[in-house]
């Protein structure tokens, strides 16, 4: 992964089960468990400028669902704080404005 220019972390069960990360990862998993068959071209477009910070909940309303927000996260289009006590109120940062352009 490093040779391909990707940053990554390896989490053990000890890291994953630490709260609030565990609850947020479980929520992500529940929303995206069918993602392996998802076509990212059908995600709603991110209409904000790169660097925009918006609450997770506001972005979910803008995108039509929290699943779309999590899919943008998995696609690398946004960052999400998986350590947030209240994920809905936490700020999401947009990395791209038009991911499929």
PDB file of N, CA and C in Angstrom:
ATOM      1  N   UNK A   1       0.833  -1.195   0.000  1.00  0.00           N
ATOM      2  CA  UNK A   1       0.000   0.000   0.000  1.00  0.00           C
ATOM      3  C   UNK A   1       0.878   1.258   0.000  1.00  0.00           C
ATOM      4  N   UNK A   2       1.940   1.256   0.802  1.00  0.00           N
ATOM      5  CA  UNK A   2       2.833   2.402   0.847  1.00  0.00           C
ATOM      6  C   UNK A   2       3.478   2.641  -0.511  1.00  0.00           C
ATOM      7  N   UNK A   3       3.908   1.567  -1.167  1.00  0.00           N
ATOM      8  CA  UNK A   3       4.524   1.695  -2.483  1.00  0.00           C
ATOM      9  C   UNK A   3       3.560   2.284  -3.506  1.00  0.00           C
ATOM     10  N   UNK A   4       2.267   2.098  -3.297  1.00  0.00           N
ATOM     11  CA  UNK A   4       1.254   2.631  -4.208  1.00  0.00           C
ATOM     12  C   UNK A   4       0.836   4.049  -3.805  1.00  0.00           C
ATOM     13  N   UNK A   5       1.438   4.572  -2.729  1.00  0.00           N
ATOM     14  CA  UNK A   5       1.141   5.930  -2.294  1.00  0.00           C
ATOM     15  C   UNK A   5      -0.048   6.063  -1.364  1.00  0.00           C
ATOM     16  N   UNK A   6      -0.503   4.943  -0.810  1.00  0.00           N
ATOM     17  CA  UNK A   6      -1.651   4.970   0.100  1.00  0.00           C
ATOM     18  C   UNK A   6      -1.177   5.003   1.553  1.00  0.00           C
ATOM     19  N   UNK A   7      -1.889   5.785   2.351  1.00  0.00           N
ATOM     20  CA  UNK A   7      -1.654   5.775   3.796  1.00  0.00           C
ATOM     21  C   UNK A   7      -2.630   4.777   4.399  1.00  0.00           C
ATOM     22  N   UNK A   8      -2.201   4.044   5.405  1.00  0.00           N
ATOM     23  CA  UNK A   8      -3.079   3.071   6.027  1.00  0.00           C
ATOM     24  C   UNK A   8      -2.635   2.801   7.456  1.00  0.00           C
ATOM     25  N   UNK A   9      -3.543   2.242   8.215  1.00  0.00           N
ATOM     26  CA  UNK A   9      -3.275   1.797   9.579  1.00  0.00           C
ATOM     27  C   UNK A   9      -3.807   0.384   9.707  1.00  0.00           C
ATOM     28  N   UNK A  10      -3.131  -0.417  10.480  1.00  0.00           N
ATOM     29  CA  UNK A  10      -3.611  -1.760  10.785  1.00  0.00           C
ATOM     30  C   UNK A  10      -4.166  -1.723  12.198  1.00  0.00           C
ATOM     31  N   UNK A  11      -5.447  -2.070  12.308  1.00  0.00           N
ATOM     32  CA  UNK A  11      -6.093  -2.083  13.606  1.00  0.00           C
ATOM     33  C   UNK A  11      -6.328  -3.519  14.042  1.00  0.00           C
ATOM     34  N   UNK A  12      -5.940  -3.801  15.267  1.00  0.00           N
ATOM     35  CA  UNK A  12      -6.230  -5.107  15.852  1.00  0.00           C
ATOM     36  C   UNK A  12      -7.603  -5.032  16.514  1.00  0.00           C
ATOM     37  N   UNK A  13      -8.070  -6.152  16.983  1.00  0.00           N
ATOM     38  CA  UNK A  13      -9.355  -6.178  17.702  1.00  0.00           C
ATOM     39  C   UNK A  13      -9.332  -5.205  18.876  1.00  0.00           C
ATOM     40  N   UNK A  14      -8.191  -5.096  19.538  1.00  0.00           N
ATOM     41  CA  UNK A  14      -8.045  -4.157  20.667  1.00  0.00           C
ATOM     42  C   UNK A  14      -8.338  -2.725  20.212  1.00  0.00           C
ATOM     43  N   UNK A  15      -7.838  -2.336  19.053  1.00  0.00           N
ATOM     44  CA  UNK A  15      -8.070  -0.988  18.536  1.00  0.00           C
ATOM     45  C   UNK A  15      -9.514  -0.801  18.085  1.00  0.00           C
ATOM     46  N   UNK A  16     -10.064  -1.793  17.434  1.00  0.00           N
ATOM     47  CA  UNK A  16     -11.412  -1.695  16.877  1.00  0.00           C
ATOM     48  C   UNK A  16     -12.472  -1.641  17.967  1.00  0.00           C
ATOM     49  N   UNK A  17     -12.287  -2.383  19.037  1.00  0.00           N
ATOM     50  CA  UNK A  17     -13.318  -2.471  20.080  1.00  0.00           C
ATOM     51  C   UNK A  17     -13.314  -1.299  21.049  1.00  0.00           C
ATOM     52  N   UNK A  18     -12.400  -0.371  20.889  1.00  0.00           N
ATOM     53  CA  UNK A  18     -12.359   0.800  21.772  1.00  0.00           C
ATOM     54  C   UNK A  18     -13.475   1.766  21.382  1.00  0.00           C
ATOM     55  N   UNK A  19     -14.244   2.209  22.357  1.00  0.00           N
ATOM     56  CA  UNK A  19     -15.330   3.172  22.111  1.00  0.00           C
ATOM     57  C   UNK A  19     -14.771   4.585  22.077  1.00  0.00           C
ATOM     58  N   UNK A  20     -15.357   5.451  21.303  1.00  0.00           N
ATOM     59  CA  UNK A  20     -16.557   5.308  20.480  1.00  0.00           C
ATOM     60  C   UNK A  20     -16.277   4.716  19.092  1.00  0.00           C
ATOM     61  N   UNK A  21     -15.001   4.388  18.809  1.00  0.00           N
ATOM     62  CA  UNK A  21     -14.647   3.864  17.485  1.00  0.00           C
ATOM     63  C   UNK A  21     -15.485   2.637  17.118  1.00  0.00           C
ATOM     64  N   UNK A  22     -15.686   1.723  18.067  1.00  0.00           N
ATOM     65  CA  UNK A  22     -16.415   0.488  17.763  1.00  0.00           C
ATOM     66  C   UNK A  22     -17.831   0.782  17.294  1.00  0.00           C
ATOM     67  N   UNK A  23     -18.524   1.646  18.005  1.00  0.00           N
ATOM     68  CA  UNK A  23     -19.898   1.998  17.640  1.00  0.00           C
ATOM     69  C   UNK A  23     -19.944   2.660  16.265  1.00  0.00           C
ATOM     70  N   UNK A  24     -18.997   3.549  15.996  1.00  0.00           N
ATOM     71  CA  UNK A  24     -18.979   4.235  14.701  1.00  0.00           C
ATOM     72  C   UNK A  24     -18.621   3.279  13.565  1.00  0.00           C
ATOM     73  N   UNK A  25     -17.697   2.354  13.799  1.00  0.00           N
ATOM     74  CA  UNK A  25     -17.356   1.360  12.778  1.00  0.00           C
ATOM     75  C   UNK A  25     -18.531   0.412  12.534  1.00  0.00           C
ATOM     76  N   UNK A  26     -19.235   0.054  13.592  1.00  0.00           N
ATOM     77  CA  UNK A  26     -20.404  -0.808  13.433  1.00  0.00           C
ATOM     78  C   UNK A  26     -21.467  -0.108  12.587  1.00  0.00           C
ATOM     79  N   UNK A  27     -21.663   1.166  12.838  1.00  0.00           N
ATOM     80  CA  UNK A  27     -22.636   1.949  12.074  1.00  0.00           C
ATOM     81  C   UNK A  27     -22.216   2.019  10.600  1.00  0.00           C
ATOM     82  N   UNK A  28     -20.934   2.257  10.356  1.00  0.00           N
ATOM     83  CA  UNK A  28     -20.409   2.286   8.993  1.00  0.00           C
ATOM     84  C   UNK A  28     -20.635   0.932   8.326  1.00  0.00           C
ATOM     85  N   UNK A  29     -20.319  -0.134   9.033  1.00  0.00           N
ATOM     86  CA  UNK A  29     -20.487  -1.490   8.493  1.00  0.00           C
ATOM     87  C   UNK A  29     -21.949  -1.776   8.131  1.00  0.00           C
ATOM     88  N   UNK A  30     -22.852  -1.423   9.032  1.00  0.00           N
ATOM     89  CA  UNK A  30     -24.276  -1.684   8.781  1.00  0.00           C
ATOM     90  C   UNK A  30     -24.779  -0.933   7.547  1.00  0.00           C
ATOM     91  N   UNK A  31     -24.277   0.272   7.343  1.00  0.00           N
ATOM     92  CA  UNK A  31     -24.729   1.085   6.199  1.00  0.00           C
ATOM     93  C   UNK A  31     -24.088   0.676   4.885  1.00  0.00           C
ATOM     94  N   UNK A  32     -22.938   0.034   4.937  1.00  0.00           N
ATOM     95  CA  UNK A  32     -22.182  -0.200   3.698  1.00  0.00           C
ATOM     96  C   UNK A  32     -21.872  -1.665   3.437  1.00  0.00           C
ATOM     97  N   UNK A  33     -22.476  -2.571   4.149  1.00  0.00           N
ATOM     98  CA  UNK A  33     -22.106  -3.983   4.000  1.00  0.00           C
ATOM     99  C   UNK A  33     -22.363  -4.525   2.601  1.00  0.00           C
ATOM    100  N   UNK A  34     -23.186  -3.861   1.816  1.00  0.00           N
ATOM    101  CA  UNK A  34     -23.422  -4.282   0.441  1.00  0.00           C
ATOM    102  C   UNK A  34     -22.537  -3.489  -0.531  1.00  0.00           C
ATOM    103  N   UNK A  35     -21.574  -2.740   0.001  1.00  0.00           N
ATOM    104  CA  UNK A  35     -20.763  -1.833  -0.814  1.00  0.00           C
ATOM    105  C   UNK A  35     -19.947  -2.545  -1.879  1.00  0.00           C
ATOM    106  N   UNK A  36     -19.616  -3.804  -1.675  1.00  0.00           N
ATOM    107  CA  UNK A  36     -18.792  -4.487  -2.668  1.00  0.00           C
ATOM    108  C   UNK A  36     -19.485  -4.559  -4.026  1.00  0.00           C
ATOM    109  N   UNK A  37     -20.804  -4.424  -4.023  1.00  0.00           N
ATOM    110  CA  UNK A  37     -21.560  -4.449  -5.275  1.00  0.00           C
ATOM    111  C   UNK A  37     -22.008  -3.045  -5.707  1.00  0.00           C
ATOM    112  N   UNK A  38     -21.605  -2.034  -4.950  1.00  0.00           N
ATOM    113  CA  UNK A  38     -22.064  -0.671  -5.232  1.00  0.00           C
ATOM    114  C   UNK A  38     -21.215  -0.027  -6.324  1.00  0.00           C
ATOM    115  N   UNK A  39     -21.853   0.739  -7.159  1.00  0.00           N
ATOM    116  CA  UNK A  39     -21.167   1.506  -8.190  1.00  0.00           C
ATOM    117  C   UNK A  39     -21.058   2.941  -7.681  1.00  0.00           C
ATOM    118  N   UNK A  40     -19.837   3.384  -7.409  1.00  0.00           N
ATOM    119  CA  UNK A  40     -19.632   4.707  -6.843  1.00  0.00           C
ATOM    120  C   UNK A  40     -20.034   5.825  -7.798  1.00  0.00           C
ATOM    121  N   UNK A  41     -20.206   5.516  -9.077  1.00  0.00           N
ATOM    122  CA  UNK A  41     -20.640   6.530 -10.033  1.00  0.00           C
ATOM    123  C   UNK A  41     -22.056   7.013  -9.743  1.00  0.00           C
ATOM    124  N   UNK A  42     -22.806   6.261  -8.978  1.00  0.00           N
ATOM    125  CA  UNK A  42     -24.183   6.638  -8.669  1.00  0.00           C
ATOM    126  C   UNK A  42     -24.314   7.364  -7.339  1.00  0.00           C
ATOM    127  N   UNK A  43     -23.200   7.694  -6.705  1.00  0.00           N
ATOM    128  CA  UNK A  43     -23.257   8.482  -5.478  1.00  0.00           C
ATOM    129  C   UNK A  43     -23.685   9.906  -5.814  1.00  0.00           C
ATOM    130  N   UNK A  44     -24.482  10.525  -4.941  1.00  0.00           N
ATOM    131  CA  UNK A  44     -24.809  11.933  -5.178  1.00  0.00           C
ATOM    132  C   UNK A  44     -23.520  12.758  -5.214  1.00  0.00           C
ATOM    133  N   UNK A  45     -23.481  13.747  -6.071  1.00  0.00           N
ATOM    134  CA  UNK A  45     -22.292  14.583  -6.216  1.00  0.00           C
ATOM    135  C   UNK A  45     -22.087  15.444  -4.972  1.00  0.00           C
ATOM    136  N   UNK A  46     -20.841  15.600  -4.580  1.00  0.00           N
ATOM    137  CA  UNK A  46     -20.495  16.522  -3.496  1.00  0.00           C
ATOM    138  C   UNK A  46     -20.409  17.910  -4.112  1.00  0.00           C
ATOM    139  N   UNK A  47     -21.273  18.809  -3.673  1.00  0.00           N
ATOM    140  CA  UNK A  47     -21.364  20.125  -4.294  1.00  0.00           C
ATOM    141  C   UNK A  47     -20.632  21.198  -3.500  1.00  0.00           C
ATOM    142  N   UNK A  48     -19.851  20.797  -2.515  1.00  0.00           N
ATOM    143  CA  UNK A  48     -19.109  21.739  -1.692  1.00  0.00           C
ATOM    144  C   UNK A  48     -17.657  21.801  -2.165  1.00  0.00           C
ATOM    145  N   UNK A  49     -16.989  22.877  -1.838  1.00  0.00           N
ATOM    146  CA  UNK A  49     -15.578  23.032  -2.188  1.00  0.00           C
ATOM    147  C   UNK A  49     -14.713  22.125  -1.319  1.00  0.00           C
ATOM    148  N   UNK A  50     -13.598  21.631  -1.866  1.00  0.00           N
ATOM    149  CA  UNK A  50     -12.658  20.852  -1.052  1.00  0.00           C
ATOM    150  C   UNK A  50     -12.245  21.662   0.175  1.00  0.00           C
ATOM    151  N   UNK A  51     -12.130  20.991   1.298  1.00  0.00           N
ATOM    152  CA  UNK A  51     -11.775  21.651   2.550  1.00  0.00           C
ATOM    153  C   UNK A  51     -12.980  22.089   3.364  1.00  0.00           C
ATOM    154  N   UNK A  52     -14.167  22.069   2.753  1.00  0.00           N
ATOM    155  CA  UNK A  52     -15.382  22.424   3.483  1.00  0.00           C
ATOM    156  C   UNK A  52     -15.578  21.456   4.632  1.00  0.00           C
ATOM    157  N   UNK A  53     -15.956  21.992   5.789  1.00  0.00           N
ATOM    158  CA  UNK A  53     -16.265  21.164   6.946  1.00  0.00           C
ATOM    159  C   UNK A  53     -17.751  21.332   7.239  1.00  0.00           C
ATOM    160  N   UNK A  54     -18.441  20.212   7.328  1.00  0.00           N
ATOM    161  CA  UNK A  54     -19.883  20.202   7.525  1.00  0.00           C
ATOM    162  C   UNK A  54     -20.199  19.049   8.469  1.00  0.00           C
ATOM    163  N   UNK A  55     -21.266  19.187   9.244  1.00  0.00           N
ATOM    164  CA  UNK A  55     -21.588  18.099  10.171  1.00  0.00           C
ATOM    165  C   UNK A  55     -22.005  16.852   9.394  1.00  0.00           C
ATOM    166  N   UNK A  56     -21.727  15.711   9.979  1.00  0.00           N
ATOM    167  CA  UNK A  56     -22.091  14.436   9.377  1.00  0.00           C
ATOM    168  C   UNK A  56     -23.582  14.432   9.052  1.00  0.00           C
ATOM    169  N   UNK A  57     -24.393  14.887  10.003  1.00  0.00           N
ATOM    170  CA  UNK A  57     -25.845  14.869   9.819  1.00  0.00           C
ATOM    171  C   UNK A  57     -26.276  15.790   8.671  1.00  0.00           C
ATOM    172  N   UNK A  58     -25.691  16.998   8.586  1.00  0.00           N
ATOM    173  CA  UNK A  58     -26.030  17.916   7.496  1.00  0.00           C
ATOM    174  C   UNK A  58     -25.659  17.314   6.138  1.00  0.00           C
ATOM    175  N   UNK A  59     -24.495  16.660   6.079  1.00  0.00           N
ATOM    176  CA  UNK A  59     -24.083  16.056   4.821  1.00  0.00           C
ATOM    177  C   UNK A  59     -24.995  14.881   4.456  1.00  0.00           C
ATOM    178  N   UNK A  60     -25.436  14.128   5.467  1.00  0.00           N
ATOM    179  CA  UNK A  60     -26.365  13.019   5.210  1.00  0.00           C
ATOM    180  C   UNK A  60     -27.678  13.543   4.625  1.00  0.00           C
ATOM    181  N   UNK A  61     -28.162  14.657   5.140  1.00  0.00           N
ATOM    182  CA  UNK A  61     -29.383  15.268   4.598  1.00  0.00           C
ATOM    183  C   UNK A  61     -29.111  15.722   3.161  1.00  0.00           C
ATOM    184  N   UNK A  62     -27.968  16.373   2.929  1.00  0.00           N
ATOM    185  CA  UNK A  62     -27.607  16.854   1.597  1.00  0.00           C
ATOM    186  C   UNK A  62     -27.474  15.711   0.600  1.00  0.00           C
ATOM    187  N   UNK A  63     -26.920  14.581   1.036  1.00  0.00           N
ATOM    188  CA  UNK A  63     -26.666  13.442   0.159  1.00  0.00           C
ATOM    189  C   UNK A  63     -27.845  12.480   0.071  1.00  0.00           C
ATOM    190  N   UNK A  64     -28.821  12.648   0.954  1.00  0.00           N
ATOM    191  CA  UNK A  64     -30.002  11.808   0.904  1.00  0.00           C
ATOM    192  C   UNK A  64     -29.976  10.624   1.854  1.00  0.00           C
ATOM    193  N   UNK A  65     -28.808  10.315   2.433  1.00  0.00           N
ATOM    194  CA  UNK A  65     -28.724   9.221   3.396  1.00  0.00           C
ATOM    195  C   UNK A  65     -27.346   9.202   4.041  1.00  0.00           C
ATOM    196  N   UNK A  66     -27.279   8.578   5.204  1.00  0.00           N
ATOM    197  CA  UNK A  66     -25.967   8.424   5.825  1.00  0.00           C
ATOM    198  C   UNK A  66     -25.157   7.365   5.078  1.00  0.00           C
ATOM    199  N   UNK A  67     -25.826   6.456   4.396  1.00  0.00           N
ATOM    200  CA  UNK A  67     -25.103   5.468   3.593  1.00  0.00           C
ATOM    201  C   UNK A  67     -24.255   6.162   2.524  1.00  0.00           C
ATOM    202  N   UNK A  68     -24.814   7.188   1.886  1.00  0.00           N
ATOM    203  CA  UNK A  68     -24.063   7.929   0.870  1.00  0.00           C
ATOM    204  C   UNK A  68     -22.842   8.600   1.481  1.00  0.00           C
ATOM    205  N   UNK A  69     -22.986   9.129   2.690  1.00  0.00           N
ATOM    206  CA  UNK A  69     -21.846   9.756   3.367  1.00  0.00           C
ATOM    207  C   UNK A  69     -20.769   8.711   3.627  1.00  0.00           C
ATOM    208  N   UNK A  70     -21.157   7.560   4.156  1.00  0.00           N
ATOM    209  CA  UNK A  70     -20.179   6.501   4.417  1.00  0.00           C
ATOM    210  C   UNK A  70     -19.542   6.005   3.123  1.00  0.00           C
ATOM    211  N   UNK A  71     -20.290   5.950   2.037  1.00  0.00           N
ATOM    212  CA  UNK A  71     -19.727   5.512   0.762  1.00  0.00           C
ATOM    213  C   UNK A  71     -18.697   6.529   0.249  1.00  0.00           C
ATOM    214  N   UNK A  72     -18.967   7.818   0.434  1.00  0.00           N
ATOM    215  CA  UNK A  72     -17.982   8.838   0.072  1.00  0.00           C
ATOM    216  C   UNK A  72     -16.722   8.674   0.929  1.00  0.00           C
ATOM    217  N   UNK A  73     -16.904   8.324   2.194  1.00  0.00           N
ATOM    218  CA  UNK A  73     -15.768   8.072   3.082  1.00  0.00           C
ATOM    219  C   UNK A  73     -14.945   6.891   2.565  1.00  0.00           C
ATOM    220  N   UNK A  74     -15.619   5.798   2.231  1.00  0.00           N
ATOM    221  CA  UNK A  74     -14.917   4.619   1.725  1.00  0.00           C
ATOM    222  C   UNK A  74     -14.225   4.893   0.391  1.00  0.00           C
ATOM    223  N   UNK A  75     -14.790   5.797  -0.409  1.00  0.00           N
ATOM    224  CA  UNK A  75     -14.194   6.154  -1.689  1.00  0.00           C
ATOM    225  C   UNK A  75     -13.028   7.135  -1.530  1.00  0.00           C
ATOM    226  N   UNK A  76     -12.844   7.642  -0.309  1.00  0.00           N
ATOM    227  CA  UNK A  76     -11.751   8.582  -0.068  1.00  0.00           C
ATOM    228  C   UNK A  76     -12.092  10.025  -0.395  1.00  0.00           C
ATOM    229  N   UNK A  77     -13.374  10.327  -0.556  1.00  0.00           N
ATOM    230  CA  UNK A  77     -13.794  11.682  -0.919  1.00  0.00           C
ATOM    231  C   UNK A  77     -13.919  12.614   0.267  1.00  0.00           C
ATOM    232  N   UNK A  78     -14.088  12.052   1.465  1.00  0.00           N
ATOM    233  CA  UNK A  78     -14.258  12.846   2.682  1.00  0.00           C
ATOM    234  C   UNK A  78     -13.502  12.168   3.823  1.00  0.00           C
ATOM    235  N   UNK A  79     -13.302  12.918   4.891  1.00  0.00           N
ATOM    236  CA  UNK A  79     -12.763  12.323   6.117  1.00  0.00           C
ATOM    237  C   UNK A  79     -13.862  12.348   7.174  1.00  0.00           C
ATOM    238  N   UNK A  80     -13.876  11.319   7.992  1.00  0.00           N
ATOM    239  CA  UNK A  80     -14.823  11.202   9.096  1.00  0.00           C
ATOM    240  C   UNK A  80     -14.016  10.901  10.352  1.00  0.00           C
ATOM    241  N   UNK A  81     -14.400  11.513  11.462  1.00  0.00           N
ATOM    242  CA  UNK A  81     -13.735  11.256  12.733  1.00  0.00           C
ATOM    243  C   UNK A  81     -14.398  10.053  13.405  1.00  0.00           C
ATOM    244  N   UNK A  82     -13.797   8.890  13.259  1.00  0.00           N
ATOM    245  CA  UNK A  82     -14.361   7.671  13.848  1.00  0.00           C
ATOM    246  C   UNK A  82     -14.210   7.644  15.363  1.00  0.00           C
ATOM    247  N   UNK A  83     -13.530   8.640  15.934  1.00  0.00           N
ATOM    248  CA  UNK A  83     -13.378   8.748  17.383  1.00  0.00           C
ATOM    249  C   UNK A  83     -14.439   9.665  18.003  1.00  0.00           C
ATOM    250  N   UNK A  84     -15.305  10.228  17.188  1.00  0.00           N
ATOM    251  CA  UNK A  84     -16.308  11.184  17.673  1.00  0.00           C
ATOM    252  C   UNK A  84     -17.324  10.507  18.581  1.00  0.00           C
ATOM    253  N   UNK A  85     -17.587  11.125  19.717  1.00  0.00           N
ATOM    254  CA  UNK A  85     -18.607  10.617  20.638  1.00  0.00           C
ATOM    255  C   UNK A  85     -19.996  10.720  20.006  1.00  0.00           C
ATOM    256  N   UNK A  86     -20.242  11.808  19.289  1.00  0.00           N
ATOM    257  CA  UNK A  86     -21.523  12.029  18.613  1.00  0.00           C
ATOM    258  C   UNK A  86     -21.236  12.199  17.127  1.00  0.00           C
ATOM    259  N   UNK A  87     -21.257  11.107  16.390  1.00  0.00           N
ATOM    260  CA  UNK A  87     -20.893  11.135  14.976  1.00  0.00           C
ATOM    261  C   UNK A  87     -21.766  12.103  14.188  1.00  0.00           C
ATOM    262  N   UNK A  88     -23.057  12.165  14.478  1.00  0.00           N
ATOM    263  CA  UNK A  88     -23.955  13.045  13.738  1.00  0.00           C
ATOM    264  C   UNK A  88     -23.542  14.510  13.844  1.00  0.00           C
ATOM    265  N   UNK A  89     -23.038  14.926  14.999  1.00  0.00           N
ATOM    266  CA  UNK A  89     -22.634  16.318  15.212  1.00  0.00           C
ATOM    267  C   UNK A  89     -21.189  16.575  14.796  1.00  0.00           C
ATOM    268  N   UNK A  90     -20.425  15.523  14.553  1.00  0.00           N
ATOM    269  CA  UNK A  90     -19.013  15.701  14.212  1.00  0.00           C
ATOM    270  C   UNK A  90     -18.863  16.309  12.825  1.00  0.00           C
ATOM    271  N   UNK A  91     -17.738  16.971  12.620  1.00  0.00           N
ATOM    272  CA  UNK A  91     -17.486  17.619  11.339  1.00  0.00           C
ATOM    273  C   UNK A  91     -16.791  16.666  10.378  1.00  0.00           C
ATOM    274  N   UNK A  92     -17.323  16.617   9.170  1.00  0.00           N
ATOM    275  CA  UNK A  92     -16.772  15.843   8.068  1.00  0.00           C
ATOM    276  C   UNK A  92     -16.037  16.847   7.181  1.00  0.00           C
ATOM    277  N   UNK A  93     -14.854  16.474   6.692  1.00  0.00           N
ATOM    278  CA  UNK A  93     -14.129  17.369   5.787  1.00  0.00           C
ATOM    279  C   UNK A  93     -14.136  16.787   4.386  1.00  0.00           C
ATOM    280  N   UNK A  94     -14.512  17.620   3.438  1.00  0.00           N
ATOM    281  CA  UNK A  94     -14.556  17.179   2.046  1.00  0.00           C
ATOM    282  C   UNK A  94     -13.179  17.307   1.417  1.00  0.00           C
ATOM    283  N   UNK A  95     -12.731  16.218   0.791  1.00  0.00           N
ATOM    284  CA  UNK A  95     -11.432  16.208   0.133  1.00  0.00           C
ATOM    285  C   UNK A  95     -11.553  16.558  -1.336  1.00  0.00           C
ATOM    286  N   UNK A  96     -12.698  16.268  -1.930  1.00  0.00           N
ATOM    287  CA  UNK A  96     -12.948  16.557  -3.349  1.00  0.00           C
ATOM    288  C   UNK A  96     -14.345  17.152  -3.493  1.00  0.00           C
ATOM    289  N   UNK A  97     -14.539  17.921  -4.551  1.00  0.00           N
ATOM    290  CA  UNK A  97     -15.877  18.475  -4.770  1.00  0.00           C
ATOM    291  C   UNK A  97     -16.649  17.707  -5.840  1.00  0.00           C
ATOM    292  N   UNK A  98     -15.939  17.147  -6.811  1.00  0.00           N
ATOM    293  CA  UNK A  98     -16.589  16.412  -7.888  1.00  0.00           C
ATOM    294  C   UNK A  98     -15.802  15.126  -8.092  1.00  0.00           C
ATOM    295  N   UNK A  99     -16.062  14.106  -7.251  1.00  0.00           N
ATOM    296  CA  UNK A  99     -15.227  12.904  -7.258  1.00  0.00           C
ATOM    297  C   UNK A  99     -15.252  12.121  -8.555  1.00  0.00           C
ATOM    298  N   UNK A 100     -16.261  12.258  -9.371  1.00  0.00           N
ATOM    299  CA  UNK A 100     -16.372  11.419 -10.558  1.00  0.00           C
ATOM    300  C   UNK A 100     -16.218  12.222 -11.847  1.00  0.00           C
ATOM    301  N   UNK A 101     -15.763  13.462 -11.711  1.00  0.00           N
ATOM    302  CA  UNK A 101     -15.626  14.311 -12.901  1.00  0.00           C
ATOM    303  C   UNK A 101     -14.374  13.955 -13.680  1.00  0.00           C
TER     304      UNK A 101
END
